Amino acid sequence: MSNFDPIGTVAFFRERQRAEALTTRKVLGAMTPAMLEHRLHPESATIGSMAWTIVRCTRICVELTQIRTTEVPRDPQPTLDELLLSFDSATSEFASALLRMTQQQWEEMRIVTAGLRTLLEQPLGSICWLFHVDAIHHRGQLSVFLRPFGAKVPSIYGPSGDSQP
């Protein structure tokens, strides 16, 4: 598999990020404040923590467009309104950074740390794709909780039962 391309072009990623961020925003916007502290199991993350992970990972990607190394933020999960504002801000900044990015920058090595531990040392494109897919995964988890909390499931890849008349 010597011809395997693990990062592709920044232009392709830019479009996928734009489309998926719009869909993720619909799911986050459908959440209710009551969902934030709910845990499916005592050892599970809260729903709010899952949503906040999407925002934190987007912020990491934004930082890595500007600097070589960044640390995973440990800031506490905010209120739902603050989470939505943070998501909007981070995705806007990320979209702008991706528009300015060259393919060479997309392929440059970056590092993500947590304390003294190196979590990732990969090309920027690989890190962005990892967090992109992770956001889609968490978005799917969040969408499962919407109906039980009285929220409507938005259209994700086509009409949902709640989005049809």
N, C-alpha and C. Protein backbone atom coordinates (compact mmCIF):
# COMPACT_ATOMS: atom_id res chain seq x y z
N MET A 1 0.82 -1.19 0.00
CA MET A 1 0.00 0.00 0.00
C MET A 1 0.87 1.26 0.00
N SER A 2 1.92 1.27 -0.75
CA SER A 2 2.79 2.43 -0.76
C SER A 2 2.11 3.67 -1.33
N ASN A 3 1.02 3.49 -2.07
CA ASN A 3 0.31 4.64 -2.63
C ASN A 3 -0.79 5.15 -1.71
N PHE A 4 -0.91 4.59 -0.52
CA PHE A 4 -1.95 5.01 0.42
C PHE A 4 -1.68 6.43 0.90
N ASP A 5 -2.69 7.27 0.84
CA ASP A 5 -2.58 8.67 1.25
C ASP A 5 -3.39 8.87 2.52
N PRO A 6 -2.76 8.94 3.68
CA PRO A 6 -3.52 9.04 4.94
C PRO A 6 -4.12 10.42 5.23
N ILE A 7 -3.73 11.46 4.48
CA ILE A 7 -4.26 12.78 4.80
C ILE A 7 -4.98 13.46 3.66
N GLY A 8 -4.76 13.05 2.45
CA GLY A 8 -5.47 13.67 1.33
C GLY A 8 -5.13 15.14 1.19
N THR A 9 -5.99 15.85 0.49
CA THR A 9 -5.73 17.27 0.27
C THR A 9 -6.46 18.12 1.29
N VAL A 10 -5.88 19.25 1.59
CA VAL A 10 -6.52 20.18 2.51
C VAL A 10 -7.81 20.69 1.88
N ALA A 11 -7.86 20.80 0.57
CA ALA A 11 -9.07 21.28 -0.11
C ALA A 11 -10.24 20.33 0.12
N PHE A 12 -9.99 19.03 0.03
CA PHE A 12 -11.05 18.05 0.27
C PHE A 12 -11.50 18.09 1.73
N PHE A 13 -10.53 18.14 2.64
CA PHE A 13 -10.88 18.19 4.06
C PHE A 13 -11.68 19.45 4.37
N ARG A 14 -11.29 20.56 3.81
CA ARG A 14 -11.98 21.84 4.04
C ARG A 14 -13.48 21.69 3.76
N GLU A 15 -13.82 21.06 2.65
CA GLU A 15 -15.22 20.89 2.29
C GLU A 15 -15.93 19.92 3.22
N ARG A 16 -15.28 18.84 3.58
CA ARG A 16 -15.91 17.86 4.49
C ARG A 16 -16.12 18.49 5.87
N GLN A 17 -15.16 19.25 6.34
CA GLN A 17 -15.28 19.92 7.64
C GLN A 17 -16.45 20.89 7.63
N ARG A 18 -16.57 21.65 6.56
CA ARG A 18 -17.67 22.62 6.45
C ARG A 18 -19.02 21.91 6.52
N ALA A 19 -19.18 20.87 5.73
CA ALA A 19 -20.47 20.15 5.68
C ALA A 19 -20.79 19.48 7.01
N GLU A 20 -19.83 18.81 7.59
CA GLU A 20 -20.08 18.09 8.84
C GLU A 20 -20.27 19.03 10.02
N ALA A 21 -19.59 20.16 10.02
CA ALA A 21 -19.77 21.13 11.11
C ALA A 21 -21.20 21.68 11.11
N LEU A 22 -21.77 21.91 9.94
CA LEU A 22 -23.15 22.38 9.86
C LEU A 22 -24.11 21.34 10.46
N THR A 23 -23.87 20.08 10.15
CA THR A 23 -24.71 19.01 10.68
C THR A 23 -24.51 18.85 12.19
N THR A 24 -23.27 18.92 12.63
CA THR A 24 -22.99 18.80 14.06
C THR A 24 -23.65 19.94 14.82
N ARG A 25 -23.64 21.13 14.23
CA ARG A 25 -24.28 22.29 14.90
C ARG A 25 -25.77 22.06 15.09
N LYS A 26 -26.41 21.41 14.12
CA LYS A 26 -27.84 21.11 14.26
C LYS A 26 -28.09 20.17 15.43
N VAL A 27 -27.25 19.17 15.60
CA VAL A 27 -27.41 18.23 16.71
C VAL A 27 -27.14 18.93 18.04
N LEU A 28 -26.05 19.68 18.11
CA LEU A 28 -25.75 20.41 19.36
C LEU A 28 -26.86 21.40 19.69
N GLY A 29 -27.38 22.07 18.68
CA GLY A 29 -28.45 23.05 18.88
C GLY A 29 -29.76 22.42 19.31
N ALA A 30 -29.94 21.14 19.04
CA ALA A 30 -31.16 20.44 19.44
C ALA A 30 -31.10 19.97 20.90
N MET A 31 -29.91 19.97 21.49
CA MET A 31 -29.76 19.50 22.87
C MET A 31 -30.51 20.41 23.84
N THR A 32 -30.86 19.84 24.98
CA THR A 32 -31.50 20.61 26.05
C THR A 32 -30.51 20.76 27.20
N PRO A 33 -30.63 21.82 28.00
CA PRO A 33 -29.72 21.97 29.14
C PRO A 33 -29.77 20.77 30.10
N ALA A 34 -30.92 20.13 30.21
CA ALA A 34 -31.06 18.98 31.13
C ALA A 34 -30.18 17.80 30.70
N MET A 35 -29.81 17.76 29.44
CA MET A 35 -28.99 16.65 28.94
C MET A 35 -27.56 16.70 29.44
N LEU A 36 -27.06 17.89 29.71
CA LEU A 36 -25.63 18.07 29.95
C LEU A 36 -25.06 17.20 31.05
N GLU A 37 -25.76 17.04 32.14
CA GLU A 37 -25.20 16.29 33.29
C GLU A 37 -25.60 14.83 33.32
N HIS A 38 -26.37 14.38 32.34
CA HIS A 38 -26.82 12.98 32.33
C HIS A 38 -25.68 12.04 31.97
N ARG A 39 -25.64 10.90 32.69
CA ARG A 39 -24.69 9.82 32.41
C ARG A 39 -25.49 8.55 32.17
N LEU A 40 -25.13 7.81 31.15
CA LEU A 40 -25.79 6.55 30.89
C LEU A 40 -25.40 5.51 31.94
N HIS A 41 -24.22 5.64 32.45
CA HIS A 41 -23.67 4.71 33.44
C HIS A 41 -22.77 5.54 34.36
N PRO A 42 -22.65 5.15 35.64
CA PRO A 42 -21.82 5.95 36.56
C PRO A 42 -20.38 6.18 36.08
N GLU A 43 -19.84 5.26 35.29
CA GLU A 43 -18.47 5.42 34.81
C GLU A 43 -18.40 6.06 33.42
N SER A 44 -19.54 6.39 32.85
CA SER A 44 -19.58 7.03 31.53
C SER A 44 -19.39 8.53 31.66
N ALA A 45 -18.95 9.13 30.58
CA ALA A 45 -18.88 10.59 30.51
C ALA A 45 -20.30 11.14 30.46
N THR A 46 -20.45 12.38 30.88
CA THR A 46 -21.76 13.02 30.75
C THR A 46 -22.00 13.36 29.28
N ILE A 47 -23.26 13.57 28.95
CA ILE A 47 -23.59 13.98 27.59
C ILE A 47 -22.92 15.33 27.29
N GLY A 48 -22.93 16.21 28.25
CA GLY A 48 -22.27 17.50 28.06
C GLY A 48 -20.79 17.37 27.80
N SER A 49 -20.15 16.42 28.46
CA SER A 49 -18.73 16.18 28.26
C SER A 49 -18.45 15.70 26.83
N MET A 50 -19.35 14.85 26.32
CA MET A 50 -19.20 14.39 24.94
C MET A 50 -19.31 15.57 23.97
N ALA A 51 -20.29 16.42 24.22
CA ALA A 51 -20.47 17.59 23.35
C ALA A 51 -19.26 18.53 23.46
N TRP A 52 -18.76 18.72 24.66
CA TRP A 52 -17.62 19.60 24.88
C TRP A 52 -16.36 19.06 24.22
N THR A 53 -16.24 17.73 24.14
CA THR A 53 -15.11 17.11 23.47
C THR A 53 -15.04 17.55 22.00
N ILE A 54 -16.18 17.64 21.36
CA ILE A 54 -16.22 18.09 19.96
C ILE A 54 -15.63 19.49 19.86
N VAL A 55 -16.02 20.36 20.76
CA VAL A 55 -15.53 21.74 20.74
C VAL A 55 -14.03 21.78 21.05
N ARG A 56 -13.61 21.08 22.08
CA ARG A 56 -12.20 21.10 22.47
C ARG A 56 -11.30 20.58 21.34
N CYS A 57 -11.73 19.53 20.65
CA CYS A 57 -10.92 18.99 19.56
C CYS A 57 -10.85 19.95 18.38
N THR A 58 -11.94 20.65 18.12
CA THR A 58 -11.91 21.66 17.06
C THR A 58 -10.94 22.78 17.44
N ARG A 59 -10.96 23.17 18.71
CA ARG A 59 -10.03 24.21 19.17
C ARG A 59 -8.57 23.76 19.04
N ILE A 60 -8.32 22.47 19.31
CA ILE A 60 -6.96 21.93 19.14
C ILE A 60 -6.54 22.08 17.69
N CYS A 61 -7.42 21.72 16.77
CA CYS A 61 -7.09 21.84 15.35
C CYS A 61 -6.80 23.28 14.97
N VAL A 62 -7.58 24.21 15.49
CA VAL A 62 -7.34 25.63 15.22
C VAL A 62 -5.95 26.02 15.70
N GLU A 63 -5.61 25.64 16.92
CA GLU A 63 -4.29 25.98 17.47
C GLU A 63 -3.17 25.39 16.63
N LEU A 64 -3.37 24.16 16.16
CA LEU A 64 -2.31 23.51 15.38
C LEU A 64 -2.14 24.10 13.99
N THR A 65 -3.08 24.91 13.55
CA THR A 65 -2.87 25.62 12.29
C THR A 65 -1.92 26.79 12.49
N GLN A 66 -1.69 27.17 13.76
CA GLN A 66 -0.86 28.33 14.08
C GLN A 66 0.45 27.98 14.76
N ILE A 67 0.46 26.89 15.52
CA ILE A 67 1.65 26.50 16.28
C ILE A 67 1.90 25.00 16.09
N ARG A 68 3.13 24.59 16.38
CA ARG A 68 3.54 23.20 16.15
C ARG A 68 3.03 22.25 17.24
N THR A 69 2.95 22.71 18.48
CA THR A 69 2.59 21.85 19.60
C THR A 69 1.49 22.52 20.42
N THR A 70 0.53 21.72 20.85
CA THR A 70 -0.52 22.24 21.73
C THR A 70 -0.88 21.18 22.76
N GLU A 71 -1.47 21.64 23.82
CA GLU A 71 -1.89 20.75 24.90
C GLU A 71 -3.42 20.62 24.89
N VAL A 72 -3.87 19.43 25.23
CA VAL A 72 -5.32 19.20 25.33
C VAL A 72 -5.86 20.10 26.43
N PRO A 73 -6.84 20.93 26.10
CA PRO A 73 -7.40 21.82 27.14
C PRO A 73 -8.19 21.02 28.16
N ARG A 74 -8.10 21.44 29.38
CA ARG A 74 -8.81 20.77 30.47
C ARG A 74 -9.87 21.68 31.08
N ASP A 75 -10.30 22.67 30.32
CA ASP A 75 -11.29 23.60 30.85
C ASP A 75 -12.62 22.87 31.07
N PRO A 76 -13.34 23.27 32.10
CA PRO A 76 -14.59 22.59 32.43
C PRO A 76 -15.67 22.85 31.39
N GLN A 77 -16.56 21.90 31.29
CA GLN A 77 -17.69 22.01 30.38
C GLN A 77 -18.56 23.20 30.77
N PRO A 78 -18.88 24.05 29.81
CA PRO A 78 -19.69 25.24 30.11
C PRO A 78 -21.19 24.94 30.02
N THR A 79 -21.98 25.97 30.14
CA THR A 79 -23.43 25.84 29.94
C THR A 79 -23.68 25.53 28.46
N LEU A 80 -24.89 25.13 28.15
CA LEU A 80 -25.23 24.81 26.77
C LEU A 80 -25.07 26.04 25.87
N ASP A 81 -25.54 27.19 26.31
CA ASP A 81 -25.40 28.40 25.49
C ASP A 81 -23.93 28.72 25.23
N GLU A 82 -23.08 28.61 26.25
CA GLU A 82 -21.65 28.87 26.08
C GLU A 82 -21.00 27.83 25.18
N LEU A 83 -21.43 26.58 25.30
CA LEU A 83 -20.91 25.51 24.47
C LEU A 83 -21.21 25.79 23.00
N LEU A 84 -22.44 26.21 22.72
CA LEU A 84 -22.84 26.52 21.34
C LEU A 84 -22.04 27.71 20.78
N LEU A 85 -21.85 28.73 21.61
CA LEU A 85 -21.04 29.88 21.17
C LEU A 85 -19.60 29.46 20.91
N SER A 86 -19.05 28.62 21.77
CA SER A 86 -17.68 28.13 21.59
C SER A 86 -17.56 27.29 20.33
N PHE A 87 -18.56 26.45 20.07
CA PHE A 87 -18.54 25.64 18.85
C PHE A 87 -18.57 26.54 17.62
N ASP A 88 -19.47 27.51 17.62
CA ASP A 88 -19.58 28.42 16.48
C ASP A 88 -18.28 29.17 16.25
N SER A 89 -17.68 29.66 17.31
CA SER A 89 -16.43 30.40 17.21
C SER A 89 -15.30 29.51 16.69
N ALA A 90 -15.17 28.32 17.27
CA ALA A 90 -14.08 27.42 16.88
C ALA A 90 -14.23 26.96 15.43
N THR A 91 -15.45 26.62 15.01
CA THR A 91 -15.62 26.16 13.63
C THR A 91 -15.39 27.30 12.63
N SER A 92 -15.76 28.50 13.01
CA SER A 92 -15.50 29.66 12.14
C SER A 92 -14.00 29.91 12.00
N GLU A 93 -13.29 29.88 13.13
CA GLU A 93 -11.84 30.07 13.10
C GLU A 93 -11.15 28.97 12.30
N PHE A 94 -11.64 27.74 12.48
CA PHE A 94 -11.05 26.61 11.77
C PHE A 94 -11.27 26.75 10.26
N ALA A 95 -12.48 27.12 9.87
CA ALA A 95 -12.78 27.30 8.44
C ALA A 95 -11.87 28.37 7.84
N SER A 96 -11.68 29.46 8.55
CA SER A 96 -10.80 30.53 8.06
C SER A 96 -9.36 30.06 7.93
N ALA A 97 -8.89 29.32 8.93
CA ALA A 97 -7.52 28.82 8.90
C ALA A 97 -7.33 27.83 7.74
N LEU A 98 -8.33 26.99 7.50
CA LEU A 98 -8.23 26.03 6.41
C LEU A 98 -8.20 26.72 5.04
N LEU A 99 -8.88 27.83 4.91
CA LEU A 99 -8.87 28.57 3.64
C LEU A 99 -7.48 29.13 3.32
N ARG A 100 -6.74 29.48 4.36
CA ARG A 100 -5.39 30.07 4.18
C ARG A 100 -4.30 29.00 4.07
N MET A 101 -4.63 27.76 4.41
CA MET A 101 -3.62 26.72 4.54
C MET A 101 -3.16 26.17 3.19
N THR A 102 -1.86 25.93 3.09
CA THR A 102 -1.30 25.29 1.91
C THR A 102 -1.23 23.78 2.14
N GLN A 103 -1.06 23.04 1.07
CA GLN A 103 -0.92 21.59 1.19
C GLN A 103 0.35 21.25 1.98
N GLN A 104 1.39 22.03 1.79
CA GLN A 104 2.63 21.78 2.52
C GLN A 104 2.40 21.91 4.03
N GLN A 105 1.69 22.95 4.45
CA GLN A 105 1.37 23.12 5.87
C GLN A 105 0.53 21.96 6.39
N TRP A 106 -0.41 21.50 5.57
CA TRP A 106 -1.30 20.39 5.92
C TRP A 106 -0.51 19.12 6.22
N GLU A 107 0.64 18.98 5.59
CA GLU A 107 1.46 17.78 5.73
C GLU A 107 2.54 17.90 6.79
N GLU A 108 2.71 19.08 7.40
CA GLU A 108 3.74 19.28 8.42
C GLU A 108 3.38 18.59 9.74
N MET A 109 4.42 18.15 10.42
CA MET A 109 4.23 17.44 11.69
C MET A 109 3.75 18.39 12.78
N ARG A 110 2.88 17.86 13.63
CA ARG A 110 2.36 18.59 14.78
C ARG A 110 2.33 17.64 15.97
N ILE A 111 2.24 18.23 17.17
CA ILE A 111 2.27 17.44 18.40
C ILE A 111 1.12 17.89 19.30
N VAL A 112 0.42 16.91 19.87
CA VAL A 112 -0.62 17.16 20.87
C VAL A 112 -0.18 16.48 22.16
N THR A 113 -0.17 17.25 23.25
CA THR A 113 0.27 16.71 24.54
C THR A 113 -0.84 16.80 25.58
N ALA A 114 -0.64 16.06 26.63
CA ALA A 114 -1.47 16.15 27.84
C ALA A 114 -0.48 16.06 29.00
N GLY A 115 -0.23 17.19 29.62
CA GLY A 115 0.80 17.22 30.65
C GLY A 115 2.15 16.94 30.00
N LEU A 116 2.87 16.00 30.57
CA LEU A 116 4.19 15.66 30.04
C LEU A 116 4.13 14.56 28.98
N ARG A 117 2.94 14.07 28.69
CA ARG A 117 2.76 12.94 27.76
C ARG A 117 2.43 13.44 26.35
N THR A 118 3.11 12.87 25.37
CA THR A 118 2.80 13.16 23.97
C THR A 118 1.70 12.19 23.55
N LEU A 119 0.54 12.74 23.14
CA LEU A 119 -0.58 11.91 22.70
C LEU A 119 -0.50 11.63 21.20
N LEU A 120 -0.15 12.65 20.44
CA LEU A 120 -0.09 12.52 18.99
C LEU A 120 1.13 13.26 18.46
N GLU A 121 1.82 12.66 17.53
CA GLU A 121 2.90 13.33 16.78
C GLU A 121 2.73 12.85 15.35
N GLN A 122 1.98 13.64 14.59
CA GLN A 122 1.57 13.24 13.25
C GLN A 122 1.45 14.49 12.38
N PRO A 123 1.30 14.28 11.06
CA PRO A 123 1.03 15.43 10.20
C PRO A 123 -0.28 16.10 10.63
N LEU A 124 -0.34 17.41 10.45
CA LEU A 124 -1.53 18.16 10.81
C LEU A 124 -2.78 17.53 10.20
N GLY A 125 -2.71 17.15 8.93
CA GLY A 125 -3.86 16.55 8.27
C GLY A 125 -4.35 15.29 8.96
N SER A 126 -3.43 14.47 9.43
CA SER A 126 -3.83 13.24 10.14
C SER A 126 -4.55 13.57 11.44
N ILE A 127 -4.04 14.55 12.16
CA ILE A 127 -4.68 14.95 13.42
C ILE A 127 -6.07 15.53 13.15
N CYS A 128 -6.17 16.37 12.15
CA CYS A 128 -7.47 16.96 11.82
C CYS A 128 -8.48 15.90 11.41
N TRP A 129 -8.06 14.93 10.60
CA TRP A 129 -8.97 13.85 10.21
C TRP A 129 -9.38 13.02 11.43
N LEU A 130 -8.45 12.74 12.32
CA LEU A 130 -8.78 11.98 13.53
C LEU A 130 -9.86 12.69 14.33
N PHE A 131 -9.70 13.98 14.55
CA PHE A 131 -10.68 14.72 15.34
C PHE A 131 -11.99 14.93 14.57
N HIS A 132 -11.90 15.00 13.25
CA HIS A 132 -13.10 15.13 12.42
C HIS A 132 -13.98 13.89 12.57
N VAL A 133 -13.37 12.73 12.43
CA VAL A 133 -14.12 11.47 12.56
C VAL A 133 -14.61 11.29 13.99
N ASP A 134 -13.82 11.68 14.96
CA ASP A 134 -14.22 11.59 16.36
C ASP A 134 -15.44 12.48 16.64
N ALA A 135 -15.47 13.66 16.04
CA ALA A 135 -16.63 14.56 16.21
C ALA A 135 -17.89 13.93 15.64
N ILE A 136 -17.77 13.29 14.48
CA ILE A 136 -18.92 12.62 13.88
C ILE A 136 -19.39 11.49 14.79
N HIS A 137 -18.46 10.75 15.36
CA HIS A 137 -18.79 9.68 16.30
C HIS A 137 -19.56 10.22 17.50
N HIS A 138 -19.04 11.28 18.11
CA HIS A 138 -19.71 11.86 19.27
C HIS A 138 -21.06 12.48 18.90
N ARG A 139 -21.13 13.05 17.72
CA ARG A 139 -22.41 13.59 17.25
C ARG A 139 -23.46 12.48 17.19
N GLY A 140 -23.07 11.31 16.71
CA GLY A 140 -23.98 10.17 16.68
C GLY A 140 -24.42 9.76 18.07
N GLN A 141 -23.49 9.73 19.01
CA GLN A 141 -23.85 9.42 20.39
C GLN A 141 -24.86 10.43 20.92
N LEU A 142 -24.61 11.69 20.69
CA LEU A 142 -25.51 12.74 21.18
C LEU A 142 -26.89 12.63 20.57
N SER A 143 -26.97 12.30 19.30
CA SER A 143 -28.27 12.23 18.62
C SER A 143 -29.17 11.16 19.23
N VAL A 144 -28.58 10.12 19.78
CA VAL A 144 -29.37 9.04 20.39
C VAL A 144 -30.09 9.53 21.65
N PHE A 145 -29.53 10.52 22.31
CA PHE A 145 -30.11 11.01 23.57
C PHE A 145 -31.17 12.10 23.37
N LEU A 146 -31.30 12.64 22.18
CA LEU A 146 -32.22 13.76 21.98
C LEU A 146 -33.67 13.42 22.31
N ARG A 147 -34.22 12.39 21.71
CA ARG A 147 -35.63 12.05 21.94
C ARG A 147 -35.94 11.75 23.40
N PRO A 148 -35.13 10.95 24.09
CA PRO A 148 -35.45 10.68 25.49
C PRO A 148 -35.52 11.94 26.37
N PHE A 149 -34.86 13.03 25.91
CA PHE A 149 -34.91 14.29 26.67
C PHE A 149 -35.92 15.26 26.09
N GLY A 150 -36.78 14.77 25.22
CA GLY A 150 -37.84 15.61 24.68
C GLY A 150 -37.42 16.52 23.54
N ALA A 151 -36.23 16.33 23.03
CA ALA A 151 -35.75 17.15 21.92
C ALA A 151 -36.03 16.44 20.59
N LYS A 152 -36.05 17.20 19.54
CA LYS A 152 -36.28 16.64 18.21
C LYS A 152 -34.94 16.35 17.53
N VAL A 153 -34.88 15.20 16.86
CA VAL A 153 -33.66 14.82 16.14
C VAL A 153 -33.67 15.54 14.80
N PRO A 154 -32.65 16.35 14.52
CA PRO A 154 -32.59 17.06 13.24
C PRO A 154 -32.20 16.12 12.11
N SER A 155 -32.37 16.57 10.91
CA SER A 155 -31.89 15.84 9.75
C SER A 155 -30.37 15.77 9.85
N ILE A 156 -29.83 14.58 9.68
CA ILE A 156 -28.37 14.42 9.74
C ILE A 156 -27.85 14.13 8.33
N TYR A 157 -28.13 12.95 7.79
CA TYR A 157 -27.75 12.64 6.41
C TYR A 157 -28.98 12.49 5.52
N GLY A 158 -30.07 12.93 6.00
CA GLY A 158 -31.35 12.87 5.31
C GLY A 158 -32.41 13.16 6.35
N PRO A 159 -33.66 13.20 5.96
CA PRO A 159 -34.72 13.55 6.91
C PRO A 159 -34.77 12.57 8.08
N SER A 160 -34.99 13.08 9.26
CA SER A 160 -35.20 12.24 10.43
C SER A 160 -36.72 12.13 10.64
N GLY A 161 -37.13 11.19 11.49
CA GLY A 161 -38.54 11.07 11.79
C GLY A 161 -39.11 12.35 12.39
N ASP A 162 -38.27 13.12 13.06
CA ASP A 162 -38.73 14.37 13.69
C ASP A 162 -38.73 15.55 12.72
N SER A 163 -37.99 15.44 11.61
CA SER A 163 -37.90 16.58 10.70
C SER A 163 -38.94 16.52 9.57
N GLN A 164 -39.69 15.42 9.52
CA GLN A 164 -40.71 15.28 8.48
C GLN A 164 -42.07 15.70 9.03
N PRO A 165 -42.92 16.25 8.13
CA PRO A 165 -44.26 16.68 8.60
C PRO A 165 -45.15 15.51 8.97
